[in-house]
């Protein structure tokens, strides 16, 4: 994918992106254009517009202005721990959606969570007293690259899945996007032998 820096050319309000290429050239096949940067989006009558919102709070990234985001969002909590002999400690995710969750304890990698029971043993990294636990939820490229305009409940897709697009950008409700994010706070669970 070629990448071009366009930030200095953008202005408040409507902007138009024009792409010119020679006709009938192998490098002139028209593909979707993606605008990347440090911004969020808000739904408008037709499609979305750039906006600023907070994404590191609980709930769906779609509701927090990141419907097309595929990378990581970090969630942090502080826990006061009185370590107990023979006890094991697990970070447990309740309601969440993502491709994988990375767990860090006091900045140190503890492991990944990708399947049930949605927990990670953090016993060896906890210290007596205050501990900062971070969970980084990763989305997927489905929300970045689409397809956006038809229901996507199959387990596999082919190139023909991208063949349909509406005549104009629909309202936000017309996009089919998975809901990624941490929907409920994660917990630190103590298990005694």
N, C-alpha and C. Protein backbone atom coordinates (compact mmCIF):
# COMPACT_ATOMS: atom_id res chain seq x y z
N UNK A 1 0.84 -1.18 0.00
CA UNK A 1 0.00 0.00 0.00
C UNK A 1 0.88 1.25 0.00
N UNK A 2 0.78 2.09 -1.01
CA UNK A 2 1.50 3.37 -0.94
C UNK A 2 0.87 4.25 0.14
N UNK A 3 1.70 5.02 0.83
CA UNK A 3 1.23 5.91 1.89
C UNK A 3 1.70 7.33 1.56
N UNK A 4 0.78 8.28 1.65
CA UNK A 4 1.10 9.67 1.36
C UNK A 4 0.69 10.52 2.54
N UNK A 5 1.56 11.41 2.98
CA UNK A 5 1.25 12.33 4.08
C UNK A 5 0.40 13.47 3.53
N UNK A 6 -0.82 13.62 4.04
CA UNK A 6 -1.73 14.65 3.53
C UNK A 6 -2.16 15.62 4.62
N UNK A 7 -1.70 15.42 5.85
CA UNK A 7 -2.15 16.24 6.97
C UNK A 7 -2.03 17.72 6.76
N UNK A 8 -0.95 18.17 6.15
CA UNK A 8 -0.75 19.60 5.97
C UNK A 8 -1.73 20.21 4.97
N UNK A 9 -2.40 19.39 4.17
CA UNK A 9 -3.35 19.88 3.17
C UNK A 9 -4.79 19.88 3.66
N UNK A 10 -5.06 19.24 4.79
CA UNK A 10 -6.42 19.18 5.30
C UNK A 10 -6.80 20.48 5.97
N UNK A 11 -8.08 20.83 5.85
CA UNK A 11 -8.59 22.05 6.47
C UNK A 11 -9.89 21.71 7.19
N UNK A 12 -10.32 22.53 8.14
CA UNK A 12 -11.60 22.27 8.80
C UNK A 12 -12.73 22.26 7.76
N UNK A 13 -13.72 21.41 7.98
CA UNK A 13 -14.84 21.32 7.05
C UNK A 13 -14.62 20.23 6.02
N UNK A 14 -15.32 20.32 4.92
CA UNK A 14 -15.26 19.30 3.87
C UNK A 14 -13.94 19.38 3.11
N UNK A 15 -13.35 18.23 2.83
CA UNK A 15 -12.13 18.12 2.03
C UNK A 15 -12.41 17.12 0.92
N UNK A 16 -11.79 17.33 -0.23
CA UNK A 16 -11.94 16.41 -1.37
C UNK A 16 -10.59 15.83 -1.71
N UNK A 17 -10.55 14.51 -1.83
CA UNK A 17 -9.33 13.82 -2.23
C UNK A 17 -9.49 13.40 -3.69
N UNK A 18 -8.57 13.82 -4.55
CA UNK A 18 -8.62 13.47 -5.97
C UNK A 18 -7.40 12.64 -6.30
N UNK A 19 -7.62 11.52 -6.97
CA UNK A 19 -6.52 10.65 -7.39
C UNK A 19 -6.50 10.63 -8.91
N UNK A 20 -5.35 10.94 -9.51
CA UNK A 20 -5.21 10.91 -10.96
C UNK A 20 -4.14 9.89 -11.34
N UNK A 21 -4.42 9.13 -12.39
CA UNK A 21 -3.47 8.14 -12.88
C UNK A 21 -3.70 7.95 -14.38
N UNK A 22 -2.67 7.51 -15.11
CA UNK A 22 -2.86 7.26 -16.55
C UNK A 22 -3.86 6.12 -16.76
N UNK A 23 -4.68 6.23 -17.80
CA UNK A 23 -5.65 5.19 -18.11
C UNK A 23 -4.95 3.93 -18.60
N UNK A 24 -5.61 2.80 -18.34
CA UNK A 24 -5.14 1.50 -18.84
C UNK A 24 -3.69 1.21 -18.46
N UNK A 25 -3.37 1.46 -17.21
CA UNK A 25 -2.03 1.19 -16.72
C UNK A 25 -2.15 0.20 -15.56
N UNK A 26 -1.22 -0.71 -15.46
CA UNK A 26 -1.30 -1.75 -14.42
C UNK A 26 -1.29 -1.18 -13.01
N UNK A 27 -0.69 -0.02 -12.83
CA UNK A 27 -0.64 0.59 -11.50
C UNK A 27 -1.82 1.52 -11.23
N UNK A 28 -2.78 1.57 -12.13
CA UNK A 28 -3.89 2.51 -11.99
C UNK A 28 -5.19 1.84 -11.57
N UNK A 29 -5.12 0.62 -11.05
CA UNK A 29 -6.34 -0.03 -10.58
C UNK A 29 -6.84 0.69 -9.33
N UNK A 30 -8.12 1.08 -9.35
CA UNK A 30 -8.68 1.84 -8.25
C UNK A 30 -9.05 0.90 -7.11
N UNK A 31 -8.55 1.21 -5.95
CA UNK A 31 -8.83 0.44 -4.74
C UNK A 31 -9.33 1.43 -3.68
N UNK A 32 -9.86 0.92 -2.57
CA UNK A 32 -10.29 1.85 -1.52
C UNK A 32 -9.13 2.69 -1.00
N UNK A 33 -9.45 3.89 -0.57
CA UNK A 33 -8.47 4.80 0.01
C UNK A 33 -8.78 4.89 1.50
N UNK A 34 -7.76 4.78 2.33
CA UNK A 34 -7.93 4.83 3.78
C UNK A 34 -7.19 6.04 4.32
N UNK A 35 -7.87 6.82 5.14
CA UNK A 35 -7.26 7.97 5.78
C UNK A 35 -6.84 7.54 7.18
N UNK A 36 -5.54 7.55 7.44
CA UNK A 36 -5.00 7.10 8.72
C UNK A 36 -4.51 8.29 9.52
N UNK A 37 -4.64 8.22 10.82
CA UNK A 37 -4.13 9.30 11.66
C UNK A 37 -4.64 9.18 13.08
N UNK A 38 -4.27 10.14 13.91
CA UNK A 38 -4.65 10.16 15.31
C UNK A 38 -5.94 10.96 15.47
N UNK A 39 -7.07 10.33 15.10
CA UNK A 39 -8.37 10.97 15.21
C UNK A 39 -9.43 9.89 15.40
N UNK A 40 -10.56 10.31 15.88
CA UNK A 40 -11.71 9.44 16.01
C UNK A 40 -12.74 9.91 15.00
N UNK A 41 -13.83 9.17 14.85
CA UNK A 41 -14.88 9.57 13.92
C UNK A 41 -16.23 9.56 14.62
N UNK A 42 -17.15 10.37 14.11
CA UNK A 42 -18.51 10.44 14.63
C UNK A 42 -19.47 10.24 13.46
N UNK A 43 -20.57 9.52 13.69
CA UNK A 43 -21.52 9.32 12.60
C UNK A 43 -22.22 10.63 12.22
N UNK A 44 -22.44 10.80 10.93
CA UNK A 44 -23.21 11.94 10.42
C UNK A 44 -24.27 11.38 9.48
N UNK A 45 -25.03 12.25 8.83
CA UNK A 45 -26.15 11.80 7.99
C UNK A 45 -25.70 10.78 6.95
N UNK A 46 -24.56 10.98 6.36
CA UNK A 46 -24.03 10.04 5.37
C UNK A 46 -22.58 9.74 5.73
N UNK A 47 -22.32 8.56 6.29
CA UNK A 47 -20.97 8.17 6.66
C UNK A 47 -20.52 8.72 8.00
N UNK A 48 -19.27 9.19 8.05
CA UNK A 48 -18.67 9.64 9.30
C UNK A 48 -17.85 10.89 9.05
N UNK A 49 -17.55 11.64 10.13
CA UNK A 49 -16.63 12.77 10.04
C UNK A 49 -15.62 12.66 11.17
N UNK A 50 -14.47 13.30 10.99
CA UNK A 50 -13.43 13.26 12.02
C UNK A 50 -13.93 13.95 13.29
N UNK A 51 -13.55 13.39 14.43
CA UNK A 51 -13.96 13.94 15.72
C UNK A 51 -12.92 13.55 16.75
N UNK A 52 -13.10 13.99 17.97
CA UNK A 52 -12.23 13.63 19.08
C UNK A 52 -13.08 13.01 20.18
N UNK A 53 -12.68 11.84 20.66
CA UNK A 53 -13.43 11.16 21.72
C UNK A 53 -12.46 10.36 22.57
N UNK A 54 -12.95 9.84 23.68
CA UNK A 54 -12.15 9.01 24.57
C UNK A 54 -12.42 7.55 24.26
N UNK A 55 -11.37 6.77 24.00
CA UNK A 55 -11.56 5.37 23.65
C UNK A 55 -11.13 4.42 24.75
N UNK A 56 -10.48 4.91 25.79
CA UNK A 56 -9.95 4.02 26.82
C UNK A 56 -10.93 3.84 27.98
N UNK A 57 -12.21 4.05 27.72
CA UNK A 57 -13.23 3.80 28.71
C UNK A 57 -13.99 2.54 28.31
N UNK A 58 -14.73 1.98 29.26
CA UNK A 58 -15.46 0.75 28.99
C UNK A 58 -16.51 0.96 27.91
N UNK A 59 -16.74 -0.09 27.14
CA UNK A 59 -17.78 -0.06 26.12
C UNK A 59 -17.22 -0.30 24.73
N UNK A 60 -18.12 -0.35 23.79
CA UNK A 60 -17.78 -0.62 22.40
C UNK A 60 -16.96 0.51 21.80
N UNK A 61 -15.94 0.15 21.04
CA UNK A 61 -15.14 1.18 20.36
C UNK A 61 -15.98 1.94 19.36
N UNK A 62 -17.00 1.32 18.81
CA UNK A 62 -17.88 2.01 17.86
C UNK A 62 -18.53 3.20 18.56
N UNK A 63 -19.00 2.99 19.78
CA UNK A 63 -19.66 4.06 20.53
C UNK A 63 -18.67 5.14 20.98
N UNK A 64 -17.38 4.80 21.01
CA UNK A 64 -16.36 5.76 21.47
C UNK A 64 -15.59 6.40 20.32
N UNK A 65 -16.11 6.31 19.11
CA UNK A 65 -15.49 7.01 17.99
C UNK A 65 -14.42 6.23 17.24
N UNK A 66 -14.32 4.92 17.47
CA UNK A 66 -13.31 4.11 16.80
C UNK A 66 -13.91 2.92 16.05
N UNK A 67 -14.91 3.14 15.20
CA UNK A 67 -15.53 2.00 14.54
C UNK A 67 -14.61 1.27 13.57
N UNK A 68 -13.60 1.93 13.04
CA UNK A 68 -12.72 1.31 12.05
C UNK A 68 -11.35 0.96 12.61
N UNK A 69 -11.17 1.07 13.92
CA UNK A 69 -9.87 0.85 14.56
C UNK A 69 -9.60 -0.64 14.72
N UNK A 70 -8.36 -1.05 14.44
CA UNK A 70 -8.01 -2.48 14.50
C UNK A 70 -6.86 -2.77 15.45
N UNK A 71 -6.27 -1.77 16.04
CA UNK A 71 -5.08 -1.98 16.86
C UNK A 71 -5.44 -2.23 18.32
N UNK A 72 -4.64 -1.73 19.25
CA UNK A 72 -4.82 -2.02 20.68
C UNK A 72 -5.35 -0.80 21.43
N UNK A 73 -6.20 -1.08 22.41
CA UNK A 73 -6.63 -0.07 23.38
C UNK A 73 -6.29 -0.63 24.76
N UNK A 74 -5.60 0.17 25.57
CA UNK A 74 -5.16 -0.27 26.90
C UNK A 74 -6.14 0.19 27.98
N UNK A 75 -6.44 -0.72 28.89
CA UNK A 75 -7.30 -0.45 30.04
C UNK A 75 -6.48 -0.76 31.29
N UNK A 76 -6.46 0.16 32.26
CA UNK A 76 -5.64 -0.03 33.45
C UNK A 76 -6.48 0.02 34.71
N UNK A 77 -6.06 -0.79 35.67
CA UNK A 77 -6.65 -0.75 37.01
C UNK A 77 -5.54 -0.95 38.02
N UNK A 78 -5.69 -0.33 39.20
CA UNK A 78 -4.76 -0.52 40.30
C UNK A 78 -5.40 -1.47 41.32
N UNK A 79 -4.59 -2.41 41.81
CA UNK A 79 -5.06 -3.37 42.80
C UNK A 79 -4.09 -3.38 43.98
N UNK A 80 -4.62 -3.37 45.18
CA UNK A 80 -3.82 -3.52 46.38
C UNK A 80 -3.85 -5.01 46.74
N UNK A 81 -2.68 -5.63 46.83
CA UNK A 81 -2.60 -7.08 47.02
C UNK A 81 -1.89 -7.39 48.33
N UNK A 82 -2.53 -8.24 49.13
CA UNK A 82 -1.90 -8.83 50.31
C UNK A 82 -1.66 -10.28 49.94
N UNK A 83 -0.43 -10.57 49.47
CA UNK A 83 -0.14 -11.91 48.97
C UNK A 83 -0.31 -12.96 50.06
N UNK A 84 -0.90 -14.07 49.64
CA UNK A 84 -1.20 -15.15 50.57
C UNK A 84 -0.46 -16.41 50.12
N UNK A 85 0.19 -17.08 51.04
CA UNK A 85 0.96 -18.30 50.75
C UNK A 85 0.07 -19.34 50.05
N UNK A 86 0.54 -19.85 48.93
CA UNK A 86 -0.17 -20.91 48.20
C UNK A 86 -1.30 -20.43 47.31
N UNK A 87 -1.62 -19.16 47.35
CA UNK A 87 -2.70 -18.63 46.51
C UNK A 87 -2.18 -18.29 45.12
N UNK A 88 -3.03 -18.46 44.14
CA UNK A 88 -2.72 -18.05 42.77
C UNK A 88 -3.63 -16.90 42.41
N UNK A 89 -3.12 -16.00 41.56
CA UNK A 89 -3.86 -14.81 41.18
C UNK A 89 -4.02 -14.78 39.66
N UNK A 90 -5.25 -14.52 39.22
CA UNK A 90 -5.56 -14.51 37.80
C UNK A 90 -6.24 -13.20 37.43
N UNK A 91 -5.84 -12.64 36.27
CA UNK A 91 -6.61 -11.55 35.68
C UNK A 91 -7.69 -12.24 34.87
N UNK A 92 -8.94 -11.88 35.16
CA UNK A 92 -10.08 -12.50 34.49
C UNK A 92 -10.86 -11.44 33.73
N UNK A 93 -11.11 -11.70 32.44
CA UNK A 93 -11.93 -10.80 31.62
C UNK A 93 -13.37 -11.27 31.66
N UNK A 94 -14.27 -10.38 31.96
CA UNK A 94 -15.69 -10.71 31.97
C UNK A 94 -16.24 -10.55 30.56
N UNK A 95 -16.85 -9.43 30.27
CA UNK A 95 -17.43 -9.20 28.95
C UNK A 95 -16.47 -8.35 28.12
N UNK A 96 -15.98 -8.93 27.02
CA UNK A 96 -15.05 -8.22 26.15
C UNK A 96 -15.18 -8.82 24.75
N UNK A 97 -14.66 -8.11 23.77
CA UNK A 97 -14.61 -8.64 22.41
C UNK A 97 -13.37 -8.10 21.73
N UNK A 98 -12.60 -9.00 21.17
CA UNK A 98 -11.38 -8.66 20.46
C UNK A 98 -10.77 -9.93 19.91
N UNK A 99 -9.66 -9.81 19.22
CA UNK A 99 -8.98 -11.00 18.72
C UNK A 99 -8.07 -11.61 19.76
N UNK A 100 -7.50 -10.75 20.62
CA UNK A 100 -6.62 -11.21 21.69
C UNK A 100 -6.49 -10.08 22.71
N UNK A 101 -6.17 -10.45 23.94
CA UNK A 101 -5.93 -9.47 25.00
C UNK A 101 -4.55 -9.73 25.59
N UNK A 102 -3.75 -8.71 25.69
CA UNK A 102 -2.41 -8.79 26.29
C UNK A 102 -2.50 -8.26 27.71
N UNK A 103 -1.87 -8.99 28.66
CA UNK A 103 -1.93 -8.60 30.07
C UNK A 103 -0.53 -8.20 30.53
N UNK A 104 -0.43 -7.05 31.20
CA UNK A 104 0.82 -6.58 31.79
C UNK A 104 0.60 -6.30 33.27
N UNK A 105 1.57 -6.65 34.09
CA UNK A 105 1.51 -6.36 35.52
C UNK A 105 2.72 -5.48 35.85
N UNK A 106 2.44 -4.29 36.34
CA UNK A 106 3.50 -3.32 36.65
C UNK A 106 4.44 -3.12 35.47
N UNK A 107 3.89 -3.12 34.26
CA UNK A 107 4.65 -2.90 33.04
C UNK A 107 5.31 -4.13 32.46
N UNK A 108 5.22 -5.27 33.14
CA UNK A 108 5.86 -6.50 32.66
C UNK A 108 4.84 -7.41 31.99
N UNK A 109 5.19 -7.99 30.83
CA UNK A 109 4.26 -8.88 30.14
C UNK A 109 3.93 -10.11 30.98
N UNK A 110 2.64 -10.41 31.11
CA UNK A 110 2.19 -11.56 31.89
C UNK A 110 1.66 -12.68 31.00
N UNK A 111 1.16 -12.34 29.83
CA UNK A 111 0.63 -13.35 28.93
C UNK A 111 -0.49 -12.81 28.06
N UNK A 112 -1.06 -13.73 27.28
CA UNK A 112 -2.15 -13.39 26.37
C UNK A 112 -3.41 -14.14 26.75
N UNK A 113 -4.53 -13.51 26.48
CA UNK A 113 -5.83 -14.16 26.67
C UNK A 113 -6.51 -14.18 25.31
N UNK A 114 -6.91 -15.39 24.87
CA UNK A 114 -7.54 -15.50 23.56
C UNK A 114 -8.74 -16.44 23.56
N UNK A 115 -8.91 -17.25 24.58
CA UNK A 115 -10.02 -18.20 24.63
C UNK A 115 -10.45 -18.42 26.07
N UNK A 116 -11.60 -19.06 26.23
CA UNK A 116 -12.13 -19.31 27.57
C UNK A 116 -11.17 -20.18 28.36
N UNK A 117 -11.00 -19.93 29.62
CA UNK A 117 -11.86 -19.15 30.52
C UNK A 117 -11.52 -17.66 30.59
N UNK A 118 -10.84 -17.12 29.60
CA UNK A 118 -10.52 -15.69 29.53
C UNK A 118 -9.80 -15.20 30.78
N UNK A 119 -8.70 -15.90 31.11
CA UNK A 119 -7.91 -15.48 32.26
C UNK A 119 -6.44 -15.75 32.03
N UNK A 120 -5.62 -15.09 32.84
CA UNK A 120 -4.17 -15.18 32.74
C UNK A 120 -3.60 -15.23 34.16
N UNK A 121 -2.73 -16.19 34.43
CA UNK A 121 -2.09 -16.33 35.73
C UNK A 121 -1.02 -15.24 35.87
N UNK A 122 -1.17 -14.38 36.87
CA UNK A 122 -0.23 -13.28 37.08
C UNK A 122 0.48 -13.38 38.43
N UNK A 123 0.39 -14.54 39.07
CA UNK A 123 0.91 -14.73 40.43
C UNK A 123 2.37 -14.32 40.58
N UNK A 124 3.21 -14.71 39.64
CA UNK A 124 4.65 -14.47 39.77
C UNK A 124 5.03 -13.00 39.60
N UNK A 125 4.17 -12.20 39.01
CA UNK A 125 4.50 -10.80 38.75
C UNK A 125 3.92 -9.82 39.77
N UNK A 126 3.00 -10.28 40.59
CA UNK A 126 2.40 -9.40 41.59
C UNK A 126 3.37 -9.17 42.75
N UNK A 127 3.33 -7.98 43.29
CA UNK A 127 4.12 -7.67 44.48
C UNK A 127 3.17 -7.33 45.61
N UNK A 128 3.67 -7.40 46.80
CA UNK A 128 2.88 -7.02 47.98
C UNK A 128 2.56 -5.53 47.88
N UNK A 129 1.32 -5.16 48.09
CA UNK A 129 0.93 -3.76 48.04
C UNK A 129 0.30 -3.39 46.70
N UNK A 130 0.59 -2.19 46.22
CA UNK A 130 -0.05 -1.65 45.01
C UNK A 130 0.54 -2.25 43.74
N UNK A 131 -0.35 -2.61 42.82
CA UNK A 131 0.03 -3.17 41.52
C UNK A 131 -0.82 -2.52 40.44
N UNK A 132 -0.18 -2.20 39.33
CA UNK A 132 -0.89 -1.65 38.17
C UNK A 132 -1.02 -2.75 37.13
N UNK A 133 -2.26 -3.10 36.79
CA UNK A 133 -2.51 -4.13 35.79
C UNK A 133 -3.11 -3.48 34.56
N UNK A 134 -2.55 -3.81 33.41
CA UNK A 134 -2.99 -3.28 32.13
C UNK A 134 -3.45 -4.43 31.25
N UNK A 135 -4.60 -4.25 30.62
CA UNK A 135 -5.10 -5.21 29.64
C UNK A 135 -5.23 -4.45 28.32
N UNK A 136 -4.55 -4.94 27.29
CA UNK A 136 -4.62 -4.33 25.95
C UNK A 136 -5.45 -5.22 25.05
N UNK A 137 -6.62 -4.72 24.64
CA UNK A 137 -7.50 -5.45 23.74
C UNK A 137 -7.13 -5.10 22.30
N UNK A 138 -6.99 -6.11 21.44
CA UNK A 138 -6.68 -5.90 20.03
C UNK A 138 -7.92 -6.20 19.20
N UNK A 139 -8.26 -5.30 18.28
CA UNK A 139 -9.39 -5.49 17.37
C UNK A 139 -9.01 -6.39 16.21
N UNK A 140 -9.56 -6.11 15.04
CA UNK A 140 -9.21 -6.88 13.84
C UNK A 140 -9.28 -5.99 12.61
N UNK A 141 -8.67 -6.46 11.55
CA UNK A 141 -8.68 -5.70 10.30
C UNK A 141 -10.04 -5.69 9.62
N UNK A 142 -10.98 -6.51 10.11
CA UNK A 142 -12.33 -6.50 9.53
C UNK A 142 -12.92 -5.10 9.62
N UNK A 143 -12.72 -4.43 10.74
CA UNK A 143 -13.29 -3.09 10.89
C UNK A 143 -12.48 -2.02 10.15
N UNK A 144 -11.25 -2.32 9.77
CA UNK A 144 -10.47 -1.35 9.02
C UNK A 144 -10.71 -1.48 7.52
N UNK A 145 -10.66 -2.70 7.01
CA UNK A 145 -10.72 -2.91 5.56
C UNK A 145 -12.08 -3.38 5.04
N UNK A 146 -13.01 -3.71 5.91
CA UNK A 146 -14.35 -4.12 5.46
C UNK A 146 -14.39 -5.58 5.14
N UNK A 147 -15.41 -5.98 4.49
CA UNK A 147 -16.44 -5.22 3.80
C UNK A 147 -17.46 -4.68 4.81
N UNK A 148 -18.08 -3.54 4.47
CA UNK A 148 -18.88 -2.82 5.44
C UNK A 148 -20.39 -2.87 5.17
N UNK A 149 -20.81 -3.23 3.97
CA UNK A 149 -22.19 -2.98 3.56
C UNK A 149 -23.05 -4.23 3.43
N UNK A 150 -22.63 -5.33 3.98
CA UNK A 150 -23.47 -6.51 4.04
C UNK A 150 -23.14 -7.27 5.31
N UNK A 151 -24.10 -8.04 5.77
CA UNK A 151 -23.92 -8.77 7.01
C UNK A 151 -22.74 -9.73 6.89
N UNK A 152 -21.97 -9.84 7.94
CA UNK A 152 -20.72 -10.62 7.90
C UNK A 152 -20.74 -11.66 9.01
N UNK A 153 -21.56 -12.66 8.88
CA UNK A 153 -21.65 -13.69 9.92
C UNK A 153 -21.05 -15.02 9.48
N UNK A 154 -20.48 -15.09 8.30
CA UNK A 154 -19.86 -16.34 7.84
C UNK A 154 -18.53 -16.55 8.52
N UNK A 155 -18.05 -17.77 8.47
CA UNK A 155 -16.74 -18.05 9.07
C UNK A 155 -15.61 -17.86 8.07
N UNK A 156 -15.94 -17.75 6.78
CA UNK A 156 -14.92 -17.52 5.75
C UNK A 156 -15.50 -16.62 4.67
N UNK A 157 -14.64 -15.83 4.06
CA UNK A 157 -15.06 -14.88 3.02
C UNK A 157 -14.14 -15.04 1.82
N UNK A 158 -14.63 -14.63 0.67
CA UNK A 158 -13.83 -14.72 -0.55
C UNK A 158 -13.78 -13.35 -1.21
N UNK A 159 -13.02 -13.21 -2.30
CA UNK A 159 -12.91 -11.89 -2.95
C UNK A 159 -14.25 -11.31 -3.39
N UNK A 160 -15.24 -12.16 -3.67
CA UNK A 160 -16.54 -11.66 -4.10
C UNK A 160 -17.31 -10.98 -2.97
N UNK A 161 -16.86 -11.17 -1.74
CA UNK A 161 -17.53 -10.53 -0.60
C UNK A 161 -17.45 -9.01 -0.68
N UNK A 162 -16.49 -8.49 -1.42
CA UNK A 162 -16.28 -7.05 -1.52
C UNK A 162 -16.95 -6.46 -2.76
N UNK A 163 -17.75 -7.23 -3.48
CA UNK A 163 -18.30 -6.77 -4.76
C UNK A 163 -19.41 -5.74 -4.62
N UNK A 164 -20.07 -5.67 -3.49
CA UNK A 164 -21.21 -4.76 -3.36
C UNK A 164 -20.82 -3.51 -2.58
N UNK A 165 -21.28 -2.38 -3.07
CA UNK A 165 -21.21 -1.14 -2.30
C UNK A 165 -22.41 -0.28 -2.70
N UNK A 166 -22.95 0.48 -1.78
CA UNK A 166 -24.11 1.31 -2.10
C UNK A 166 -23.71 2.49 -2.97
N UNK A 167 -24.68 3.14 -3.56
CA UNK A 167 -24.42 4.30 -4.41
C UNK A 167 -23.84 5.48 -3.66
N UNK A 168 -24.15 5.60 -2.38
CA UNK A 168 -23.58 6.66 -1.55
C UNK A 168 -23.36 6.11 -0.14
N UNK A 169 -22.54 6.77 0.61
CA UNK A 169 -22.24 6.29 1.97
C UNK A 169 -23.51 6.28 2.81
N UNK A 170 -23.84 5.13 3.41
CA UNK A 170 -25.05 5.07 4.25
C UNK A 170 -24.81 5.72 5.61
N UNK A 171 -25.89 5.82 6.40
CA UNK A 171 -25.75 6.27 7.77
C UNK A 171 -24.96 5.23 8.54
N UNK A 172 -24.46 5.59 9.71
CA UNK A 172 -23.62 4.69 10.51
C UNK A 172 -24.28 3.34 10.75
N UNK A 173 -25.60 3.32 10.93
CA UNK A 173 -26.31 2.06 11.18
C UNK A 173 -26.25 1.13 9.99
N UNK A 174 -25.91 1.63 8.81
CA UNK A 174 -25.83 0.81 7.60
C UNK A 174 -24.50 0.09 7.42
N UNK A 175 -23.57 0.28 8.37
CA UNK A 175 -22.28 -0.39 8.32
C UNK A 175 -22.34 -1.63 9.21
N UNK A 176 -21.79 -2.73 8.74
CA UNK A 176 -21.72 -3.95 9.54
C UNK A 176 -20.32 -4.04 10.14
N UNK A 177 -20.23 -3.77 11.43
CA UNK A 177 -18.95 -3.72 12.13
C UNK A 177 -19.03 -4.53 13.42
N UNK A 178 -18.04 -5.40 13.68
CA UNK A 178 -18.01 -6.09 14.97
C UNK A 178 -17.77 -5.09 16.11
N UNK A 179 -18.37 -5.37 17.25
CA UNK A 179 -18.21 -4.52 18.44
C UNK A 179 -16.99 -4.98 19.22
N UNK A 180 -15.88 -4.24 19.15
CA UNK A 180 -14.69 -4.56 19.93
C UNK A 180 -14.61 -3.65 21.14
N UNK A 181 -13.91 -4.13 22.18
CA UNK A 181 -13.70 -3.33 23.37
C UNK A 181 -13.86 -4.14 24.64
N UNK A 182 -13.59 -3.51 25.76
CA UNK A 182 -13.78 -4.09 27.08
C UNK A 182 -15.10 -3.53 27.61
N UNK A 183 -16.10 -4.39 27.71
CA UNK A 183 -17.45 -3.94 28.05
C UNK A 183 -17.68 -3.85 29.56
N UNK A 184 -16.93 -4.66 30.33
CA UNK A 184 -17.02 -4.64 31.80
C UNK A 184 -15.60 -4.64 32.36
N UNK A 185 -15.40 -4.10 33.57
CA UNK A 185 -14.04 -4.10 34.14
C UNK A 185 -13.48 -5.51 34.30
N UNK A 186 -12.18 -5.63 34.06
CA UNK A 186 -11.53 -6.93 34.33
C UNK A 186 -11.31 -7.06 35.84
N UNK A 187 -11.07 -8.29 36.29
CA UNK A 187 -10.94 -8.54 37.72
C UNK A 187 -9.61 -9.21 38.02
N UNK A 188 -9.14 -9.07 39.25
CA UNK A 188 -8.03 -9.84 39.77
C UNK A 188 -8.63 -10.83 40.75
N UNK A 189 -8.53 -12.12 40.40
CA UNK A 189 -9.18 -13.18 41.17
C UNK A 189 -8.13 -13.98 41.92
N UNK A 190 -8.36 -14.21 43.21
CA UNK A 190 -7.45 -15.02 44.04
C UNK A 190 -8.05 -16.41 44.17
N UNK A 191 -7.23 -17.46 43.89
CA UNK A 191 -7.68 -18.84 44.02
C UNK A 191 -6.77 -19.51 45.03
N UNK A 192 -7.38 -20.05 46.09
CA UNK A 192 -6.62 -20.75 47.13
C UNK A 192 -6.60 -22.24 46.82
N UNK A 193 -5.49 -22.88 47.17
CA UNK A 193 -5.38 -24.33 46.96
C UNK A 193 -6.22 -25.07 47.96
